Amino acid sequence: MKKIINFIGPPDNWRLPAIILTGTIVGIIILLVYSSRAHSYLSDNPETCINCHVMYPQYATWMHSSHREKATCNDCHVPHDNVFRTYFFKAKDGLRHATIFTARAEPQVIQIKQAGINVVQENCIRCHKGLVDFVNIVQVTGENHEEGVGFRCWDCHRETPHGTVNSLAATPYSLVPRMKSIVPDWMQRFVNDNTDEAK
């Protein structure tokens, strides 16, 4: 075992810099995971969606819709046929969103991608199965709509549940919960106490 550690590990004169560099990298990763609230994306809490300010209009319009009583964001925007697909979709979509928001490349008007269209259409049918069977449109999926076959649910129900949201300016006076600060309480008290003393 010692031979393996010596083979993998750095030479003796590089051990301290390697430990410091590794510790720095691990610390930065932990800070990024904590400050981005990465753990919150494992939940179904709708407030997770407003970790990014560009989602405020979507949150505010959902909050004032009838869907709020029965469905969270994940109920509509994440697949529910199996747990692996659910978390793979969340991870893939979340990584794309994080990349776009970190690069400040988000569009003024957010458009749902084809993968999201497919999932939302699946979930409309899943939740409203009795009604969908009644009107006999259960065959319409996101994929075959893209090929020109049939209508998606929101082609008729356009304002369900987000209304006419088309930009950040669509709901300028909406009140959304403020995100909790990532600064620990003890540090915030320390800063406040020192600021008060300086005055």
Protein backbone atom coordinates (compact mmCIF):
# COMPACT_ATOMS: atom_id res chain seq x y z
CA MET A 1 0.00 0.00 0.00
CA LYS A 2 2.84 2.36 0.85
CA LYS A 3 4.35 1.76 -2.62
CA ILE A 4 1.06 2.74 -4.26
CA ILE A 5 0.82 5.94 -2.19
CA ASN A 6 4.42 6.82 -3.02
CA PHE A 7 3.79 6.13 -6.73
CA ILE A 8 0.60 8.23 -6.85
CA GLY A 9 1.71 10.98 -4.47
CA PRO A 10 4.06 13.84 -5.34
CA PRO A 11 7.76 13.77 -4.49
CA ASP A 12 8.67 14.81 -0.93
CA ASN A 13 9.69 18.35 -1.90
CA TRP A 14 6.29 18.85 -3.63
CA ARG A 15 4.07 17.44 -0.86
CA LEU A 16 3.32 20.72 0.98
CA PRO A 17 2.49 22.72 -2.20
CA ALA A 18 0.35 19.78 -3.45
CA ILE A 19 -1.56 19.64 -0.15
CA ILE A 20 -2.13 23.42 -0.19
CA LEU A 21 -3.24 23.38 -3.84
CA THR A 22 -5.57 20.41 -3.30
CA GLY A 23 -7.05 22.03 -0.19
CA THR A 24 -7.60 25.30 -2.08
CA ILE A 25 -9.35 23.54 -4.97
CA VAL A 26 -11.55 21.48 -2.63
CA GLY A 27 -12.39 24.64 -0.63
CA ILE A 28 -13.36 26.56 -3.78
CA ILE A 29 -15.58 23.67 -4.94
CA ILE A 30 -17.30 23.49 -1.53
CA LEU A 31 -17.82 27.28 -1.55
CA LEU A 32 -19.30 27.18 -5.07
CA VAL A 33 -21.66 24.32 -4.17
CA TYR A 34 -22.74 26.17 -1.00
CA SER A 35 -23.10 29.65 -2.54
CA SER A 36 -24.99 28.33 -5.59
CA ARG A 37 -27.35 26.43 -3.28
CA ALA A 38 -26.71 23.29 -5.34
CA HIS A 39 -28.33 21.12 -2.66
CA SER A 40 -31.65 22.94 -3.11
CA TYR A 41 -32.02 21.52 -6.62
CA LEU A 42 -32.58 18.06 -5.15
CA SER A 43 -35.88 19.26 -3.66
CA ASP A 44 -39.22 20.18 -5.23
CA ASN A 45 -39.39 23.58 -3.52
CA PRO A 46 -40.54 26.19 -6.09
CA GLU A 47 -38.38 28.84 -4.40
CA THR A 48 -35.37 26.97 -5.77
CA CYS A 49 -36.29 28.30 -9.21
CA ILE A 50 -35.72 31.88 -8.05
CA ASN A 51 -32.11 31.21 -7.10
CA CYS A 52 -31.63 32.93 -10.46
CA HIS A 53 -33.32 36.34 -10.66
CA VAL A 54 -34.33 35.85 -14.30
CA MET A 55 -36.95 33.34 -13.12
CA TYR A 56 -38.84 35.88 -10.96
CA PRO A 57 -41.63 36.45 -13.54
CA GLN A 58 -42.18 32.70 -13.93
CA TYR A 59 -42.33 32.24 -10.15
CA ALA A 60 -44.65 35.22 -9.62
CA THR A 61 -47.08 34.16 -12.35
CA TRP A 62 -47.13 30.54 -11.11
CA MET A 63 -47.71 31.83 -7.57
CA HIS A 64 -50.88 33.60 -8.74
CA SER A 65 -52.19 30.68 -10.80
CA SER A 66 -54.52 27.83 -9.91
CA HIS A 67 -51.64 25.39 -10.48
CA ARG A 68 -50.00 26.67 -7.29
CA GLU A 69 -52.51 24.69 -5.24
CA LYS A 70 -51.65 21.34 -6.86
CA ALA A 71 -48.35 21.53 -8.76
CA THR A 72 -44.80 22.72 -8.16
CA CYS A 73 -42.35 23.67 -10.90
CA ASN A 74 -40.95 20.14 -10.96
CA ASP A 75 -44.42 18.61 -11.39
CA CYS A 76 -44.59 20.23 -14.83
CA HIS A 77 -40.97 20.69 -15.91
CA VAL A 78 -39.33 17.40 -14.85
CA PRO A 79 -40.16 13.89 -16.13
CA HIS A 80 -41.84 11.54 -13.65
CA ASP A 81 -41.75 8.12 -15.29
CA ASN A 82 -38.71 6.94 -13.29
CA VAL A 83 -36.27 8.31 -10.72
CA PHE A 84 -33.20 7.96 -12.97
CA ARG A 85 -34.75 10.00 -15.78
CA THR A 86 -35.99 12.58 -13.27
CA TYR A 87 -32.57 13.29 -11.76
CA PHE A 88 -30.71 12.96 -15.07
CA PHE A 89 -33.03 15.58 -16.57
CA LYS A 90 -32.65 17.85 -13.53
CA ALA A 91 -28.85 17.53 -13.65
CA LYS A 92 -28.63 18.12 -17.40
CA ASP A 93 -31.02 21.08 -17.36
CA GLY A 94 -29.47 22.53 -14.21
CA LEU A 95 -25.95 22.34 -15.65
CA ARG A 96 -27.12 24.11 -18.81
CA HIS A 97 -28.88 26.81 -16.75
CA ALA A 98 -25.89 27.28 -14.43
CA THR A 99 -23.56 27.64 -17.40
CA ILE A 100 -25.80 30.19 -19.12
CA PHE A 101 -26.41 32.24 -15.96
CA THR A 102 -22.75 32.15 -14.89
CA ALA A 103 -21.69 33.36 -18.34
CA ARG A 104 -24.43 36.05 -18.16
CA ALA A 105 -25.76 34.75 -21.48
CA GLU A 106 -29.41 34.41 -20.50
CA PRO A 107 -31.86 35.84 -23.03
CA GLN A 108 -34.28 38.62 -22.11
CA VAL A 109 -37.14 36.38 -23.22
CA ILE A 110 -36.79 32.85 -21.87
CA GLN A 111 -37.89 30.17 -24.33
CA ILE A 112 -38.49 26.53 -23.43
CA LYS A 113 -36.26 24.08 -25.33
CA GLN A 114 -37.59 21.03 -27.19
CA ALA A 115 -36.62 18.65 -24.36
CA GLY A 116 -38.63 20.81 -21.95
CA ILE A 117 -41.58 20.94 -24.37
CA ASN A 118 -41.62 17.14 -24.50
CA VAL A 119 -41.59 16.87 -20.70
CA VAL A 120 -44.26 19.53 -20.11
CA GLN A 121 -46.57 17.89 -22.66
CA GLU A 122 -46.03 14.49 -20.97
CA ASN A 123 -46.88 16.00 -17.60
CA CYS A 124 -50.00 17.81 -18.85
CA ILE A 125 -51.26 14.44 -20.04
CA ARG A 126 -50.13 12.66 -16.85
CA CYS A 127 -51.97 15.05 -14.52
CA HIS A 128 -55.05 15.58 -16.67
CA LYS A 129 -55.34 12.00 -17.97
CA GLY A 130 -59.11 11.72 -17.43
CA LEU A 131 -59.82 14.95 -19.31
CA VAL A 132 -57.28 14.18 -22.03
CA ASP A 133 -58.85 10.75 -22.66
CA PHE A 134 -62.23 12.46 -22.84
CA VAL A 135 -61.17 14.86 -25.61
CA ASN A 136 -59.08 12.11 -27.28
CA ILE A 137 -55.77 14.01 -27.78
CA VAL A 138 -53.58 11.73 -25.70
CA GLN A 139 -51.52 10.86 -28.79
CA VAL A 140 -50.08 14.38 -29.04
CA THR A 141 -46.50 14.51 -27.73
CA GLY A 142 -43.82 17.15 -27.95
CA GLU A 143 -41.97 15.14 -30.59
CA ASN A 144 -44.87 14.52 -32.96
CA HIS A 145 -46.04 18.13 -32.58
CA GLU A 146 -42.60 19.19 -33.77
CA GLU A 147 -43.26 17.08 -36.88
CA GLY A 148 -46.54 18.91 -37.44
CA VAL A 149 -48.93 16.36 -35.93
CA GLY A 150 -51.53 17.65 -33.47
CA PHE A 151 -51.50 20.45 -30.92
CA ARG A 152 -49.72 20.84 -27.61
CA CYS A 153 -51.92 21.50 -24.58
CA TRP A 154 -50.76 25.11 -24.29
CA ASP A 155 -51.52 25.90 -27.92
CA CYS A 156 -55.08 26.39 -26.64
CA HIS A 157 -54.41 26.97 -22.93
CA ARG A 158 -51.85 29.71 -23.64
CA GLU A 159 -51.87 31.44 -20.30
CA THR A 160 -51.69 28.33 -18.11
CA PRO A 161 -50.04 28.75 -15.63
CA HIS A 162 -47.63 31.60 -16.43
CA GLY A 163 -49.92 34.14 -18.08
CA THR A 164 -48.32 36.29 -20.74
CA VAL A 165 -44.80 36.31 -19.30
CA ASN A 166 -42.35 37.30 -22.00
CA SER A 167 -39.51 39.10 -20.24
CA LEU A 168 -38.10 40.27 -16.92
CA ALA A 169 -40.19 43.43 -17.37
CA ALA A 170 -43.46 41.45 -17.54
CA THR A 171 -43.97 41.51 -13.75
CA PRO A 172 -42.07 44.57 -12.51
CA TYR A 173 -43.93 44.85 -9.19
CA SER A 174 -44.12 41.19 -8.28
CA LEU A 175 -43.10 40.25 -4.78
CA VAL A 176 -41.03 37.11 -4.52
CA PRO A 177 -39.32 35.66 -1.46
CA ARG A 178 -35.85 37.05 -0.94
CA MET A 179 -33.07 34.52 -1.07
CA LYS A 180 -31.40 33.85 2.26
CA SER A 181 -27.90 35.28 2.44
CA ILE A 182 -25.05 32.80 2.15
CA VAL A 183 -23.13 34.74 4.82
CA PRO A 184 -23.34 32.80 8.11
CA ASP A 185 -25.28 34.53 10.91
CA TRP A 186 -22.22 34.74 13.21
CA MET A 187 -20.23 36.52 10.49
CA GLN A 188 -23.10 38.92 9.73
CA ARG A 189 -23.37 39.79 13.45
CA PHE A 190 -19.59 40.34 13.60
CA VAL A 191 -19.72 42.69 10.60
CA ASN A 192 -22.74 44.57 12.00
CA ASP A 193 -21.13 44.95 15.44
CA ASN A 194 -17.90 46.28 13.94
CA THR A 195 -19.82 48.64 11.64
CA ASP A 196 -21.78 50.00 14.61
CA GLU A 197 -18.56 50.53 16.59
CA ALA A 198 -16.96 52.39 13.68
CA LYS A 199 -19.84 54.88 13.63
